[in-house]
Amino acid sequence: MAAARGRCAGTVLVLLSLLATAAAARTYIVGDDAGWTKNLEASWLGGKTFYAGDVLVFKYDKAHHDVSVVGGKGYQRCELPKHSEHSWVLRTGNDAVTLRRGNNYFICGQPGHCDNNMKLHINAL
């Protein structure tokens, strides 16, 4: 009986911890007023700490840009993703992406944009 109470108490603590983490998730507008543009790693990331569950909102002119969620190689090579559960292309002009724990990579898939530094790498804790 005491062991069962101990497991229940442990489960409650885990659930409370998960709820606190979810409640603490933040939403960021990528690039603030400038929106999804080039050189964000130098101009926008400074001093920010991101956590799994935080949400990035990408605002951009959908006639000229997109947001491609890619892996590390796609980010380094500026290559569009092959569709998978971790790679996809967003094109609404107002896209929200929830960060996963670890590395999160984003590029603009329009020709030349990523090569001109329209990309973003975030390591979420």
PDB file of N, CA and C in Angstrom:
ATOM      1  N   MET A   1       0.825  -1.184   0.000  1.00  0.00           N
ATOM      2  CA  MET A   1       0.000   0.000   0.000  1.00  0.00           C
ATOM      3  C   MET A   1       0.873   1.254   0.000  1.00  0.00           C
ATOM      4  N   ALA A   2       1.931   1.281   0.825  1.00  0.00           N
ATOM      5  CA  ALA A   2       2.817   2.444   0.890  1.00  0.00           C
ATOM      6  C   ALA A   2       3.536   2.634  -0.444  1.00  0.00           C
ATOM      7  N   ALA A   3       3.916   1.531  -1.099  1.00  0.00           N
ATOM      8  CA  ALA A   3       4.592   1.627  -2.394  1.00  0.00           C
ATOM      9  C   ALA A   3       3.661   2.232  -3.440  1.00  0.00           C
ATOM     10  N   ALA A   4       2.383   1.859  -3.394  1.00  0.00           N
ATOM     11  CA  ALA A   4       1.412   2.406  -4.343  1.00  0.00           C
ATOM     12  C   ALA A   4       1.255   3.908  -4.128  1.00  0.00           C
ATOM     13  N   ARG A   5       1.210   4.353  -2.861  1.00  0.00           N
ATOM     14  CA  ARG A   5       1.104   5.787  -2.572  1.00  0.00           C
ATOM     15  C   ARG A   5       2.340   6.525  -3.081  1.00  0.00           C
ATOM     16  N   GLY A   6       3.501   5.912  -2.933  1.00  0.00           N
ATOM     17  CA  GLY A   6       4.751   6.525  -3.407  1.00  0.00           C
ATOM     18  C   GLY A   6       4.754   6.692  -4.917  1.00  0.00           C
ATOM     19  N   ARG A   7       4.247   5.674  -5.623  1.00  0.00           N
ATOM     20  CA  ARG A   7       4.172   5.771  -7.091  1.00  0.00           C
ATOM     21  C   ARG A   7       3.186   6.846  -7.505  1.00  0.00           C
ATOM     22  N   CYS A   8       2.056   6.935  -6.825  1.00  0.00           N
ATOM     23  CA  CYS A   8       1.053   7.957  -7.153  1.00  0.00           C
ATOM     24  C   CYS A   8       1.615   9.351  -6.916  1.00  0.00           C
ATOM     25  N   ALA A   9       2.310   9.517  -5.798  1.00  0.00           N
ATOM     26  CA  ALA A   9       2.895  10.824  -5.500  1.00  0.00           C
ATOM     27  C   ALA A   9       3.924  11.184  -6.560  1.00  0.00           C
ATOM     28  N   GLY A  10       4.735  10.219  -6.978  1.00  0.00           N
ATOM     29  CA  GLY A  10       5.726  10.459  -8.027  1.00  0.00           C
ATOM     30  C   GLY A  10       5.072  10.828  -9.350  1.00  0.00           C
ATOM     31  N   THR A  11       3.988  10.154  -9.682  1.00  0.00           N
ATOM     32  CA  THR A  11       3.261  10.444 -10.912  1.00  0.00           C
ATOM     33  C   THR A  11       2.677  11.844 -10.865  1.00  0.00           C
ATOM     34  N   VAL A  12       2.135  12.233  -9.741  1.00  0.00           N
ATOM     35  CA  VAL A  12       1.569  13.579  -9.592  1.00  0.00           C
ATOM     36  C   VAL A  12       2.661  14.631  -9.773  1.00  0.00           C
ATOM     37  N   LEU A  13       3.837  14.406  -9.200  1.00  0.00           N
ATOM     38  CA  LEU A  13       4.936  15.360  -9.354  1.00  0.00           C
ATOM     39  C   LEU A  13       5.371  15.481 -10.802  1.00  0.00           C
ATOM     40  N   VAL A  14       5.443  14.371 -11.517  1.00  0.00           N
ATOM     41  CA  VAL A  14       5.812  14.406 -12.932  1.00  0.00           C
ATOM     42  C   VAL A  14       4.768  15.189 -13.723  1.00  0.00           C
ATOM     43  N   LEU A  15       3.496  14.926 -13.467  1.00  0.00           N
ATOM     44  CA  LEU A  15       2.430  15.636 -14.170  1.00  0.00           C
ATOM     45  C   LEU A  15       2.469  17.132 -13.868  1.00  0.00           C
ATOM     46  N   LEU A  16       2.697  17.508 -12.631  1.00  0.00           N
ATOM     47  CA  LEU A  16       2.786  18.919 -12.272  1.00  0.00           C
ATOM     48  C   LEU A  16       3.974  19.574 -12.966  1.00  0.00           C
ATOM     49  N   SER A  17       5.080  18.862 -13.054  1.00  0.00           N
ATOM     50  CA  SER A  17       6.258  19.375 -13.734  1.00  0.00           C
ATOM     51  C   SER A  17       5.969  19.606 -15.217  1.00  0.00           C
ATOM     52  N   LEU A  18       5.287  18.656 -15.862  1.00  0.00           N
ATOM     53  CA  LEU A  18       4.935  18.807 -17.270  1.00  0.00           C
ATOM     54  C   LEU A  18       3.983  19.978 -17.481  1.00  0.00           C
ATOM     55  N   LEU A  19       3.020  20.142 -16.601  1.00  0.00           N
ATOM     56  CA  LEU A  19       2.090  21.264 -16.700  1.00  0.00           C
ATOM     57  C   LEU A  19       2.811  22.589 -16.529  1.00  0.00           C
ATOM     58  N   ALA A  20       3.739  22.658 -15.594  1.00  0.00           N
ATOM     59  CA  ALA A  20       4.499  23.892 -15.379  1.00  0.00           C
ATOM     60  C   ALA A  20       5.330  24.219 -16.606  1.00  0.00           C
ATOM     61  N   THR A  21       5.922  23.218 -17.232  1.00  0.00           N
ATOM     62  CA  THR A  21       6.720  23.432 -18.441  1.00  0.00           C
ATOM     63  C   THR A  21       5.833  23.933 -19.566  1.00  0.00           C
ATOM     64  N   ALA A  22       4.671  23.312 -19.746  1.00  0.00           N
ATOM     65  CA  ALA A  22       3.754  23.728 -20.798  1.00  0.00           C
ATOM     66  C   ALA A  22       3.271  25.153 -20.557  1.00  0.00           C
ATOM     67  N   ALA A  23       3.000  25.499 -19.322  1.00  0.00           N
ATOM     68  CA  ALA A  23       2.522  26.836 -19.000  1.00  0.00           C
ATOM     69  C   ALA A  23       3.607  27.874 -19.221  1.00  0.00           C
ATOM     70  N   ALA A  24       4.861  27.482 -19.111  1.00  0.00           N
ATOM     71  CA  ALA A  24       5.962  28.418 -19.248  1.00  0.00           C
ATOM     72  C   ALA A  24       6.386  28.600 -20.704  1.00  0.00           C
ATOM     73  N   ALA A  25       5.821  27.835 -21.637  1.00  0.00           N
ATOM     74  CA  ALA A  25       6.199  27.959 -23.047  1.00  0.00           C
ATOM     75  C   ALA A  25       5.940  29.384 -23.522  1.00  0.00           C
ATOM     76  N   ARG A  26       6.865  29.895 -24.325  1.00  0.00           N
ATOM     77  CA  ARG A  26       6.752  31.258 -24.836  1.00  0.00           C
ATOM     78  C   ARG A  26       6.513  31.226 -26.330  1.00  0.00           C
ATOM     79  N   THR A  27       5.934  32.300 -26.830  1.00  0.00           N
ATOM     80  CA  THR A  27       5.751  32.482 -28.262  1.00  0.00           C
ATOM     81  C   THR A  27       6.629  33.638 -28.712  1.00  0.00           C
ATOM     82  N   TYR A  28       7.389  33.406 -29.774  1.00  0.00           N
ATOM     83  CA  TYR A  28       8.298  34.413 -30.319  1.00  0.00           C
ATOM     84  C   TYR A  28       7.901  34.729 -31.755  1.00  0.00           C
ATOM     85  N   ILE A  29       7.873  35.994 -32.111  1.00  0.00           N
ATOM     86  CA  ILE A  29       7.732  36.405 -33.500  1.00  0.00           C
ATOM     87  C   ILE A  29       9.143  36.454 -34.067  1.00  0.00           C
ATOM     88  N   VAL A  30       9.448  35.572 -35.004  1.00  0.00           N
ATOM     89  CA  VAL A  30      10.794  35.490 -35.564  1.00  0.00           C
ATOM     90  C   VAL A  30      11.143  36.813 -36.237  1.00  0.00           C
ATOM     91  N   GLY A  31      12.246  37.401 -35.784  1.00  0.00           N
ATOM     92  CA  GLY A  31      12.703  38.676 -36.340  1.00  0.00           C
ATOM     93  C   GLY A  31      11.983  39.891 -35.786  1.00  0.00           C
ATOM     94  N   ASP A  32      11.089  39.691 -34.830  1.00  0.00           N
ATOM     95  CA  ASP A  32      10.283  40.779 -34.262  1.00  0.00           C
ATOM     96  C   ASP A  32       9.615  41.569 -35.395  1.00  0.00           C
ATOM     97  N   ASP A  33       9.725  42.893 -35.401  1.00  0.00           N
ATOM     98  CA  ASP A  33       9.044  43.713 -36.409  1.00  0.00           C
ATOM     99  C   ASP A  33       9.557  43.485 -37.829  1.00  0.00           C
ATOM    100  N   ALA A  34      10.815  43.073 -37.966  1.00  0.00           N
ATOM    101  CA  ALA A  34      11.384  42.834 -39.301  1.00  0.00           C
ATOM    102  C   ALA A  34      10.841  41.555 -39.923  1.00  0.00           C
ATOM    103  N   GLY A  35      10.362  40.622 -39.098  1.00  0.00           N
ATOM    104  CA  GLY A  35       9.822  39.360 -39.601  1.00  0.00           C
ATOM    105  C   GLY A  35      10.903  38.398 -40.040  1.00  0.00           C
ATOM    106  N   TRP A  36      10.488  37.369 -40.765  1.00  0.00           N
ATOM    107  CA  TRP A  36      11.364  36.311 -41.276  1.00  0.00           C
ATOM    108  C   TRP A  36      12.179  36.918 -42.417  1.00  0.00           C
ATOM    109  N   THR A  37      13.452  37.148 -42.143  1.00  0.00           N
ATOM    110  CA  THR A  37      14.349  37.796 -43.089  1.00  0.00           C
ATOM    111  C   THR A  37      15.747  37.225 -42.937  1.00  0.00           C
ATOM    112  N   LYS A  38      16.731  37.780 -43.624  1.00  0.00           N
ATOM    113  CA  LYS A  38      18.092  37.246 -43.536  1.00  0.00           C
ATOM    114  C   LYS A  38      18.835  37.797 -42.320  1.00  0.00           C
ATOM    115  N   ASN A  39      19.922  37.105 -41.979  1.00  0.00           N
ATOM    116  CA  ASN A  39      20.828  37.476 -40.880  1.00  0.00           C
ATOM    117  C   ASN A  39      20.179  37.479 -39.500  1.00  0.00           C
ATOM    118  N   LEU A  40      19.180  36.661 -39.272  1.00  0.00           N
ATOM    119  CA  LEU A  40      18.496  36.626 -37.971  1.00  0.00           C
ATOM    120  C   LEU A  40      19.380  36.071 -36.856  1.00  0.00           C
ATOM    121  N   GLU A  41      20.270  35.158 -37.201  1.00  0.00           N
ATOM    122  CA  GLU A  41      21.121  34.588 -36.154  1.00  0.00           C
ATOM    123  C   GLU A  41      21.999  35.661 -35.533  1.00  0.00           C
ATOM    124  N   ALA A  42      22.447  36.614 -36.327  1.00  0.00           N
ATOM    125  CA  ALA A  42      23.291  37.689 -35.806  1.00  0.00           C
ATOM    126  C   ALA A  42      22.460  38.786 -35.143  1.00  0.00           C
ATOM    127  N   SER A  43      21.285  39.082 -35.712  1.00  0.00           N
ATOM    128  CA  SER A  43      20.529  40.241 -35.239  1.00  0.00           C
ATOM    129  C   SER A  43      19.413  39.933 -34.239  1.00  0.00           C
ATOM    130  N   TRP A  44      18.857  38.731 -34.277  1.00  0.00           N
ATOM    131  CA  TRP A  44      17.662  38.464 -33.478  1.00  0.00           C
ATOM    132  C   TRP A  44      17.876  37.464 -32.342  1.00  0.00           C
ATOM    133  N   LEU A  45      18.728  36.482 -32.532  1.00  0.00           N
ATOM    134  CA  LEU A  45      18.883  35.419 -31.536  1.00  0.00           C
ATOM    135  C   LEU A  45      19.575  35.849 -30.256  1.00  0.00           C
ATOM    136  N   GLY A  46      20.417  36.846 -30.308  1.00  0.00           N
ATOM    137  CA  GLY A  46      21.257  37.224 -29.174  1.00  0.00           C
ATOM    138  C   GLY A  46      20.516  37.314 -27.848  1.00  0.00           C
ATOM    139  N   GLY A  47      21.011  36.584 -26.861  1.00  0.00           N
ATOM    140  CA  GLY A  47      20.473  36.649 -25.507  1.00  0.00           C
ATOM    141  C   GLY A  47      19.207  35.848 -25.259  1.00  0.00           C
ATOM    142  N   LYS A  48      18.673  35.208 -26.271  1.00  0.00           N
ATOM    143  CA  LYS A  48      17.443  34.427 -26.090  1.00  0.00           C
ATOM    144  C   LYS A  48      17.791  32.977 -25.766  1.00  0.00           C
ATOM    145  N   THR A  49      17.032  32.396 -24.861  1.00  0.00           N
ATOM    146  CA  THR A  49      17.142  30.973 -24.558  1.00  0.00           C
ATOM    147  C   THR A  49      15.806  30.347 -24.912  1.00  0.00           C
ATOM    148  N   PHE A  50      15.846  29.310 -25.717  1.00  0.00           N
ATOM    149  CA  PHE A  50      14.629  28.651 -26.180  1.00  0.00           C
ATOM    150  C   PHE A  50      14.501  27.286 -25.530  1.00  0.00           C
ATOM    151  N   TYR A  51      13.261  26.873 -25.318  1.00  0.00           N
ATOM    152  CA  TYR A  51      12.957  25.592 -24.686  1.00  0.00           C
ATOM    153  C   TYR A  51      12.005  24.805 -25.568  1.00  0.00           C
ATOM    154  N   ALA A  52      12.093  23.484 -25.469  1.00  0.00           N
ATOM    155  CA  ALA A  52      11.133  22.628 -26.161  1.00  0.00           C
ATOM    156  C   ALA A  52       9.734  23.062 -25.752  1.00  0.00           C
ATOM    157  N   GLY A  53       8.856  23.202 -26.710  1.00  0.00           N
ATOM    158  CA  GLY A  53       7.491  23.660 -26.450  1.00  0.00           C
ATOM    159  C   GLY A  53       7.289  25.129 -26.760  1.00  0.00           C
ATOM    160  N   ASP A  54       8.373  25.920 -26.821  1.00  0.00           N
ATOM    161  CA  ASP A  54       8.237  27.309 -27.253  1.00  0.00           C
ATOM    162  C   ASP A  54       7.749  27.313 -28.693  1.00  0.00           C
ATOM    163  N   VAL A  55       7.059  28.380 -29.071  1.00  0.00           N
ATOM    164  CA  VAL A  55       6.490  28.483 -30.411  1.00  0.00           C
ATOM    165  C   VAL A  55       7.145  29.646 -31.149  1.00  0.00           C
ATOM    166  N   LEU A  56       7.584  29.366 -32.366  1.00  0.00           N
ATOM    167  CA  LEU A  56       8.103  30.412 -33.250  1.00  0.00           C
ATOM    168  C   LEU A  56       7.027  30.741 -34.265  1.00  0.00           C
ATOM    169  N   VAL A  57       6.734  32.017 -34.446  1.00  0.00           N
ATOM    170  CA  VAL A  57       5.795  32.462 -35.470  1.00  0.00           C
ATOM    171  C   VAL A  57       6.595  33.180 -36.547  1.00  0.00           C
ATOM    172  N   PHE A  58       6.523  32.652 -37.751  1.00  0.00           N
ATOM    173  CA  PHE A  58       7.226  33.222 -38.897  1.00  0.00           C
ATOM    174  C   PHE A  58       6.235  34.071 -39.681  1.00  0.00           C
ATOM    175  N   LYS A  59       6.517  35.382 -39.790  1.00  0.00           N
ATOM    176  CA  LYS A  59       5.670  36.294 -40.558  1.00  0.00           C
ATOM    177  C   LYS A  59       6.478  36.774 -41.757  1.00  0.00           C
ATOM    178  N   TYR A  60       5.882  36.652 -42.963  1.00  0.00           N
ATOM    179  CA  TYR A  60       6.592  36.987 -44.189  1.00  0.00           C
ATOM    180  C   TYR A  60       5.607  37.138 -45.336  1.00  0.00           C
ATOM    181  N   ASP A  61       6.076  37.703 -46.437  1.00  0.00           N
ATOM    182  CA  ASP A  61       5.283  37.837 -47.654  1.00  0.00           C
ATOM    183  C   ASP A  61       5.316  36.489 -48.381  1.00  0.00           C
ATOM    184  N   LYS A  62       4.196  35.790 -48.397  1.00  0.00           N
ATOM    185  CA  LYS A  62       4.167  34.441 -48.974  1.00  0.00           C
ATOM    186  C   LYS A  62       4.373  34.422 -50.483  1.00  0.00           C
ATOM    187  N   ALA A  63       4.310  35.562 -51.134  1.00  0.00           N
ATOM    188  CA  ALA A  63       4.602  35.619 -52.565  1.00  0.00           C
ATOM    189  C   ALA A  63       6.107  35.547 -52.823  1.00  0.00           C
ATOM    190  N   HIS A  64       6.915  35.822 -51.784  1.00  0.00           N
ATOM    191  CA  HIS A  64       8.365  35.876 -51.972  1.00  0.00           C
ATOM    192  C   HIS A  64       9.170  34.930 -51.095  1.00  0.00           C
ATOM    193  N   HIS A  65       8.560  34.353 -50.064  1.00  0.00           N
ATOM    194  CA  HIS A  65       9.296  33.524 -49.115  1.00  0.00           C
ATOM    195  C   HIS A  65       8.475  32.306 -48.709  1.00  0.00           C
ATOM    196  N   ASP A  66       9.129  31.404 -47.984  1.00  0.00           N
ATOM    197  CA  ASP A  66       8.479  30.295 -47.304  1.00  0.00           C
ATOM    198  C   ASP A  66       9.328  29.972 -46.089  1.00  0.00           C
ATOM    199  N   VAL A  67       8.909  28.988 -45.320  1.00  0.00           N
ATOM    200  CA  VAL A  67       9.704  28.475 -44.209  1.00  0.00           C
ATOM    201  C   VAL A  67       9.818  26.978 -44.420  1.00  0.00           C
ATOM    202  N   SER A  68      11.041  26.523 -44.607  1.00  0.00           N
ATOM    203  CA  SER A  68      11.288  25.098 -44.765  1.00  0.00           C
ATOM    204  C   SER A  68      11.953  24.587 -43.500  1.00  0.00           C
ATOM    205  N   VAL A  69      11.327  23.612 -42.878  1.00  0.00           N
ATOM    206  CA  VAL A  69      11.887  22.968 -41.686  1.00  0.00           C
ATOM    207  C   VAL A  69      12.755  21.835 -42.209  1.00  0.00           C
ATOM    208  N   VAL A  70      14.039  21.887 -41.885  1.00  0.00           N
ATOM    209  CA  VAL A  70      14.998  20.935 -42.443  1.00  0.00           C
ATOM    210  C   VAL A  70      15.857  20.334 -41.339  1.00  0.00           C
ATOM    211  N   GLY A  71      16.655  19.349 -41.702  1.00  0.00           N
ATOM    212  CA  GLY A  71      17.644  18.783 -40.796  1.00  0.00           C
ATOM    213  C   GLY A  71      18.944  19.568 -40.902  1.00  0.00           C
ATOM    214  N   GLY A  72      19.924  19.139 -40.152  1.00  0.00           N
ATOM    215  CA  GLY A  72      21.210  19.828 -40.122  1.00  0.00           C
ATOM    216  C   GLY A  72      21.898  19.907 -41.475  1.00  0.00           C
ATOM    217  N   LYS A  73      21.854  18.824 -42.254  1.00  0.00           N
ATOM    218  CA  LYS A  73      22.487  18.839 -43.579  1.00  0.00           C
ATOM    219  C   LYS A  73      21.753  19.782 -44.522  1.00  0.00           C
ATOM    220  N   GLY A  74      20.427  19.779 -44.478  1.00  0.00           N
ATOM    221  CA  GLY A  74      19.648  20.698 -45.309  1.00  0.00           C
ATOM    222  C   GLY A  74      19.955  22.149 -44.968  1.00  0.00           C
ATOM    223  N   TYR A  75      20.157  22.405 -43.686  1.00  0.00           N
ATOM    224  CA  TYR A  75      20.496  23.751 -43.223  1.00  0.00           C
ATOM    225  C   TYR A  75      21.877  24.151 -43.745  1.00  0.00           C
ATOM    226  N   GLN A  76      22.854  23.282 -43.574  1.00  0.00           N
ATOM    227  CA  GLN A  76      24.225  23.590 -44.007  1.00  0.00           C
ATOM    228  C   GLN A  76      24.324  23.747 -45.520  1.00  0.00           C
ATOM    229  N   ARG A  77      23.598  22.898 -46.244  1.00  0.00           N
ATOM    230  CA  ARG A  77      23.682  22.895 -47.712  1.00  0.00           C
ATOM    231  C   ARG A  77      22.631  23.771 -48.384  1.00  0.00           C
ATOM    232  N   CYS A  78      21.717  24.345 -47.588  1.00  0.00           N
ATOM    233  CA  CYS A  78      20.591  25.121 -48.145  1.00  0.00           C
ATOM    234  C   CYS A  78      19.794  24.283 -49.134  1.00  0.00           C
ATOM    235  N   GLU A  79      19.437  23.076 -48.704  1.00  0.00           N
ATOM    236  CA  GLU A  79      18.660  22.161 -49.538  1.00  0.00           C
ATOM    237  C   GLU A  79      17.262  21.997 -48.975  1.00  0.00           C
ATOM    238  N   LEU A  80      16.280  22.000 -49.863  1.00  0.00           N
ATOM    239  CA  LEU A  80      14.901  21.778 -49.444  1.00  0.00           C
ATOM    240  C   LEU A  80      14.722  20.353 -48.952  1.00  0.00           C
ATOM    241  N   PRO A  81      13.805  20.165 -48.018  1.00  0.00           N
ATOM    242  CA  PRO A  81      13.619  18.838 -47.432  1.00  0.00           C
ATOM    243  C   PRO A  81      12.869  17.892 -48.344  1.00  0.00           C
ATOM    244  N   LYS A  82      13.167  16.631 -48.137  1.00  0.00           N
ATOM    245  CA  LYS A  82      12.292  15.588 -48.648  1.00  0.00           C
ATOM    246  C   LYS A  82      11.276  15.400 -47.523  1.00  0.00           C
ATOM    247  N   HIS A  83      10.004  15.369 -47.856  1.00  0.00           N
ATOM    248  CA  HIS A  83       8.965  15.333 -46.822  1.00  0.00           C
ATOM    249  C   HIS A  83       9.156  14.144 -45.877  1.00  0.00           C
ATOM    250  N   SER A  84       9.161  14.435 -44.599  1.00  0.00           N
ATOM    251  CA  SER A  84       9.201  13.418 -43.555  1.00  0.00           C
ATOM    252  C   SER A  84       8.503  14.012 -42.345  1.00  0.00           C
ATOM    253  N   GLU A  85       8.456  13.276 -41.267  1.00  0.00           N
ATOM    254  CA  GLU A  85       7.785  13.806 -40.075  1.00  0.00           C
ATOM    255  C   GLU A  85       8.550  14.966 -39.451  1.00  0.00           C
ATOM    256  N   HIS A  86       9.840  15.137 -39.800  1.00  0.00           N
ATOM    257  CA  HIS A  86      10.641  16.222 -39.228  1.00  0.00           C
ATOM    258  C   HIS A  86      11.021  17.283 -40.254  1.00  0.00           C
ATOM    259  N   SER A  87      10.572  17.164 -41.492  1.00  0.00           N
ATOM    260  CA  SER A  87      10.886  18.136 -42.535  1.00  0.00           C
ATOM    261  C   SER A  87       9.620  18.466 -43.311  1.00  0.00           C
ATOM    262  N   TRP A  88       9.390  19.738 -43.510  1.00  0.00           N
ATOM    263  CA  TRP A  88       8.237  20.153 -44.290  1.00  0.00           C
ATOM    264  C   TRP A  88       8.409  21.607 -44.694  1.00  0.00           C
ATOM    265  N   VAL A  89       7.553  22.075 -45.619  1.00  0.00           N
ATOM    266  CA  VAL A  89       7.589  23.448 -46.108  1.00  0.00           C
ATOM    267  C   VAL A  89       6.279  24.123 -45.741  1.00  0.00           C
ATOM    268  N   LEU A  90       6.379  25.336 -45.187  1.00  0.00           N
ATOM    269  CA  LEU A  90       5.218  26.136 -44.800  1.00  0.00           C
ATOM    270  C   LEU A  90       5.141  27.346 -45.719  1.00  0.00           C
ATOM    271  N   ARG A  91       3.913  27.721 -46.111  1.00  0.00           N
ATOM    272  CA  ARG A  91       3.787  28.796 -47.095  1.00  0.00           C
ATOM    273  C   ARG A  91       2.639  29.761 -46.821  1.00  0.00           C
ATOM    274  N   THR A  92       2.180  29.882 -45.586  1.00  0.00           N
ATOM    275  CA  THR A  92       1.013  30.734 -45.338  1.00  0.00           C
ATOM    276  C   THR A  92       1.356  32.205 -45.124  1.00  0.00           C
ATOM    277  N   GLY A  93       2.605  32.507 -44.779  1.00  0.00           N
ATOM    278  CA  GLY A  93       2.994  33.883 -44.450  1.00  0.00           C
ATOM    279  C   GLY A  93       2.831  34.199 -42.978  1.00  0.00           C
ATOM    280  N   ASN A  94       2.257  33.253 -42.227  1.00  0.00           N
ATOM    281  CA  ASN A  94       2.044  33.424 -40.788  1.00  0.00           C
ATOM    282  C   ASN A  94       2.037  32.032 -40.163  1.00  0.00           C
ATOM    283  N   ASP A  95       3.230  31.425 -40.107  1.00  0.00           N
ATOM    284  CA  ASP A  95       3.356  30.026 -39.705  1.00  0.00           C
ATOM    285  C   ASP A  95       3.868  29.895 -38.277  1.00  0.00           C
ATOM    286  N   ALA A  96       3.245  29.017 -37.503  1.00  0.00           N
ATOM    287  CA  ALA A  96       3.680  28.749 -36.128  1.00  0.00           C
ATOM    288  C   ALA A  96       4.291  27.356 -36.068  1.00  0.00           C
ATOM    289  N   VAL A  97       5.478  27.276 -35.449  1.00  0.00           N
ATOM    290  CA  VAL A  97       6.187  26.012 -35.307  1.00  0.00           C
ATOM    291  C   VAL A  97       6.557  25.840 -33.838  1.00  0.00           C
ATOM    292  N   THR A  98       6.213  24.693 -33.260  1.00  0.00           N
ATOM    293  CA  THR A  98       6.593  24.379 -31.888  1.00  0.00           C
ATOM    294  C   THR A  98       7.970  23.730 -31.893  1.00  0.00           C
ATOM    295  N   LEU A  99       8.873  24.276 -31.092  1.00  0.00           N
ATOM    296  CA  LEU A  99      10.236  23.763 -31.052  1.00  0.00           C
ATOM    297  C   LEU A  99      10.313  22.403 -30.375  1.00  0.00           C
ATOM    298  N   ARG A 100      11.106  21.542 -30.969  1.00  0.00           N
ATOM    299  CA  ARG A 100      11.433  20.255 -30.359  1.00  0.00           C
ATOM    300  C   ARG A 100      12.706  20.444 -29.535  1.00  0.00           C
ATOM    301  N   ARG A 101      12.912  19.582 -28.563  1.00  0.00           N
ATOM    302  CA  ARG A 101      14.161  19.614 -27.786  1.00  0.00           C
ATOM    303  C   ARG A 101      15.318  19.312 -28.729  1.00  0.00           C
ATOM    304  N   GLY A 102      16.362  20.087 -28.620  1.00  0.00           N
ATOM    305  CA  GLY A 102      17.536  19.898 -29.473  1.00  0.00           C
ATOM    306  C   GLY A 102      17.550  20.883 -30.620  1.00  0.00           C
ATOM    307  N   ASN A 103      18.201  20.476 -31.697  1.00  0.00           N
ATOM    308  CA  ASN A 103      18.397  21.364 -32.839  1.00  0.00           C
ATOM    309  C   ASN A 103      17.149  21.479 -33.692  1.00  0.00           C
ATOM    310  N   ASN A 104      16.806  22.715 -34.047  1.00  0.00           N
ATOM    311  CA  ASN A 104      15.692  23.035 -34.927  1.00  0.00           C
ATOM    312  C   ASN A 104      16.263  23.924 -36.029  1.00  0.00           C
ATOM    313  N   TYR A 105      16.066  23.529 -37.284  1.00  0.00           N
ATOM    314  CA  TYR A 105      16.661  24.241 -38.412  1.00  0.00           C
ATOM    315  C   TYR A 105      15.570  24.726 -39.363  1.00  0.00           C
ATOM    316  N   PHE A 106      15.707  25.986 -39.819  1.00  0.00           N
ATOM    317  CA  PHE A 106      14.736  26.592 -40.724  1.00  0.00           C
ATOM    318  C   PHE A 106      15.486  27.322 -41.832  1.00  0.00           C
ATOM    319  N   ILE A 107      15.003  27.187 -43.060  1.00  0.00           N
ATOM    320  CA  ILE A 107      15.563  27.941 -44.175  1.00  0.00           C
ATOM    321  C   ILE A 107      14.422  28.480 -45.025  1.00  0.00           C
ATOM    322  N   CYS A 108      14.700  29.528 -45.800  1.00  0.00           N
ATOM    323  CA  CYS A 108      13.771  29.948 -46.846  1.00  0.00           C
ATOM    324  C   CYS A 108      14.148  29.149 -48.075  1.00  0.00           C
ATOM    325  N   GLY A 109      13.187  28.467 -48.668  1.00  0.00           N
ATOM    326  CA  GLY A 109      13.456  27.591 -49.793  1.00  0.00           C
ATOM    327  C   GLY A 109      13.431  28.274 -51.149  1.00  0.00           C
ATOM    328  N   GLN A 110      13.181  29.574 -51.176  1.00  0.00           N
ATOM    329  CA  GLN A 110      13.183  30.283 -52.454  1.00  0.00           C
ATOM    330  C   GLN A 110      14.616  30.388 -52.974  1.00  0.00           C
ATOM    331  N   PRO A 111      14.809  30.275 -54.295  1.00  0.00           N
ATOM    332  CA  PRO A 111      16.160  30.267 -54.865  1.00  0.00           C
ATOM    333  C   PRO A 111      17.026  31.435 -54.371  1.00  0.00           C
ATOM    334  N   GLY A 112      18.187  31.070 -53.827  1.00  0.00           N
ATOM    335  CA  GLY A 112      19.172  32.049 -53.383  1.00  0.00           C
ATOM    336  C   GLY A 112      18.955  32.626 -52.003  1.00  0.00           C
ATOM    337  N   HIS A 113      17.778  32.480 -51.428  1.00  0.00           N
ATOM    338  CA  HIS A 113      17.501  33.117 -50.141  1.00  0.00           C
ATOM    339  C   HIS A 113      18.317  32.515 -49.009  1.00  0.00           C
ATOM    340  N   CYS A 114      18.326  31.195 -48.897  1.00  0.00           N
ATOM    341  CA  CYS A 114      19.113  30.551 -47.844  1.00  0.00           C
ATOM    342  C   CYS A 114      20.603  30.849 -48.028  1.00  0.00           C
ATOM    343  N   ASP A 115      21.065  30.795 -49.285  1.00  0.00           N
ATOM    344  CA  ASP A 115      22.479  31.097 -49.559  1.00  0.00           C
ATOM    345  C   ASP A 115      22.834  32.523 -49.149  1.00  0.00           C
ATOM    346  N   ASN A 116      21.838  33.417 -49.123  1.00  0.00           N
ATOM    347  CA  ASN A 116      22.038  34.795 -48.671  1.00  0.00           C
ATOM    348  C   ASN A 116      21.701  34.949 -47.187  1.00  0.00           C
ATOM    349  N   ASN A 117      21.759  33.846 -46.468  1.00  0.00           N
ATOM    350  CA  ASN A 117      21.634  33.801 -45.008  1.00  0.00           C
ATOM    351  C   ASN A 117      20.215  34.015 -44.480  1.00  0.00           C
ATOM    352  N   MET A 118      19.218  33.583 -45.241  1.00  0.00           N
ATOM    353  CA  MET A 118      17.849  33.582 -44.723  1.00  0.00           C
ATOM    354  C   MET A 118      17.593  32.191 -44.163  1.00  0.00           C
ATOM    355  N   LYS A 119      18.161  31.977 -42.975  1.00  0.00           N
ATOM    356  CA  LYS A 119      18.047  30.692 -42.307  1.00  0.00           C
ATOM    357  C   LYS A 119      18.223  30.917 -40.815  1.00  0.00           C
ATOM    358  N   LEU A 120      17.800  29.923 -40.042  1.00  0.00           N
ATOM    359  CA  LEU A 120      17.803  30.063 -38.597  1.00  0.00           C
ATOM    360  C   LEU A 120      18.024  28.690 -37.956  1.00  0.00           C
ATOM    361  N   HIS A 121      18.929  28.647 -36.990  1.00  0.00           N
ATOM    362  CA  HIS A 121      19.192  27.425 -36.222  1.00  0.00           C
ATOM    363  C   HIS A 121      18.958  27.750 -34.745  1.00  0.00           C
ATOM    364  N   ILE A 122      18.102  26.964 -34.109  1.00  0.00           N
ATOM    365  CA  ILE A 122      17.818  27.133 -32.684  1.00  0.00           C
ATOM    366  C   ILE A 122      17.997  25.797 -31.989  1.00  0.00           C
ATOM    367  N   ASN A 123      18.765  25.819 -30.909  1.00  0.00           N
ATOM    368  CA  ASN A 123      18.935  24.636 -30.073  1.00  0.00           C
ATOM    369  C   ASN A 123      18.057  24.829 -28.834  1.00  0.00           C
ATOM    370  N   ALA A 124      16.936  24.121 -28.787  1.00  0.00           N
ATOM    371  CA  ALA A 124      15.994  24.260 -27.681  1.00  0.00           C
ATOM    372  C   ALA A 124      16.353  23.314 -26.546  1.00  0.00           C
ATOM    373  N   LEU A 125      16.372  23.835 -25.341  1.00  0.00           N
ATOM    374  CA  LEU A 125      16.684  23.043 -24.148  1.00  0.00           C
ATOM    375  C   LEU A 125      15.481  22.228 -23.704  1.00  0.00           C
TER     376      LEU A 125
END
